C-alpha atoms as a PDB file:
ATOM      1  CA  MET A   1       0.000   0.000   0.000  1.00  0.00           C
ATOM      2  CA  SER A   2       2.814   2.429   0.722  1.00  0.00           C
ATOM      3  CA  ASP A   3       3.977   2.059  -2.904  1.00  0.00           C
ATOM      4  CA  LEU A   4       0.714   3.611  -4.058  1.00  0.00           C
ATOM      5  CA  ASP A   5       1.698   6.863  -2.352  1.00  0.00           C
ATOM      6  CA  LEU A   6       4.517   7.203  -4.883  1.00  0.00           C
ATOM      7  CA  LEU A   7       2.178   7.285  -7.896  1.00  0.00           C
ATOM      8  CA  THR A   8       1.333  10.621  -9.466  1.00  0.00           C
ATOM      9  CA  ILE A   9      -1.910  11.316 -11.329  1.00  0.00           C
ATOM     10  CA  GLY A  10       0.118  11.383 -14.553  1.00  0.00           C
ATOM     11  CA  MET A  11       1.473   7.908 -13.903  1.00  0.00           C
ATOM     12  CA  VAL A  12      -2.020   6.586 -13.157  1.00  0.00           C
ATOM     13  CA  LEU A  13      -3.419   8.111 -16.352  1.00  0.00           C
ATOM     14  CA  ASP A  14      -0.538   6.641 -18.368  1.00  0.00           C
ATOM     15  CA  ILE A  15      -1.156   3.173 -16.917  1.00  0.00           C
ATOM     16  CA  TRP A  16      -4.879   3.511 -17.628  1.00  0.00           C
ATOM     17  CA  THR A  17      -4.224   4.550 -21.236  1.00  0.00           C
ATOM     18  CA  GLU A  18      -1.796   1.691 -21.815  1.00  0.00           C
ATOM     19  CA  LYS A  19      -4.296  -0.779 -20.370  1.00  0.00           C
ATOM     20  CA  GLY A  20      -6.863   0.479 -22.871  1.00  0.00           C
ATOM     21  CA  ASN A  21      -4.408  -0.188 -25.703  1.00  0.00           C
ATOM     22  CA  ASP A  22      -3.753  -3.781 -24.613  1.00  0.00           C
ATOM     23  CA  ASP A  23      -6.591  -5.159 -26.758  1.00  0.00           C
ATOM     24  CA  TYR A  24      -5.589  -3.289 -29.926  1.00  0.00           C
ATOM     25  CA  LYS A  25      -4.573  -5.611 -32.748  1.00  0.00           C
ATOM     26  CA  TYR A  26      -1.720  -4.129 -34.730  1.00  0.00           C
ATOM     27  CA  GLY A  27      -1.746  -5.099 -38.388  1.00  0.00           C
ATOM     28  CA  GLU A  28       1.277  -6.827 -39.794  1.00  0.00           C
ATOM     29  CA  LYS A  29       1.025  -4.783 -42.987  1.00  0.00           C
ATOM     30  CA  GLU A  30       1.329  -1.389 -41.319  1.00  0.00           C
ATOM     31  CA  VAL A  31       4.093   0.534 -43.014  1.00  0.00           C
ATOM     32  CA  VAL A  32       6.231   2.723 -40.816  1.00  0.00           C
ATOM     33  CA  ARG A  33       8.704   5.013 -42.461  1.00  0.00           C
ATOM     34  CA  THR A  34      10.960   7.829 -41.430  1.00  0.00           C
ATOM     35  CA  ALA A  35      10.127  11.310 -42.696  1.00  0.00           C
ATOM     36  CA  GLY A  36      12.488  12.589 -45.334  1.00  0.00           C
ATOM     37  CA  GLN A  37      13.428  16.050 -46.563  1.00  0.00           C
ATOM     38  CA  GLN A  38      10.485  16.162 -48.988  1.00  0.00           C
ATOM     39  CA  ASP A  39       8.086  15.487 -46.115  1.00  0.00           C
ATOM     40  CA  PHE A  40       9.554  18.374 -44.135  1.00  0.00           C
ATOM     41  CA  ASP A  41       9.432  20.641 -47.179  1.00  0.00           C
ATOM     42  CA  ARG A  42       5.716  19.857 -47.678  1.00  0.00           C
ATOM     43  CA  PHE A  43       5.088  20.468 -43.988  1.00  0.00           C
END
């Protein structure tokens, strides 16, 4: 119980958010790429 005193509201909200993401099914075909110079120029 004394460990709970060390938690901040931000930590609790982060844990709650991560718990909500536990059931998300990430697709294997998701493409992740790094932004290049052209992306920054368009931005």
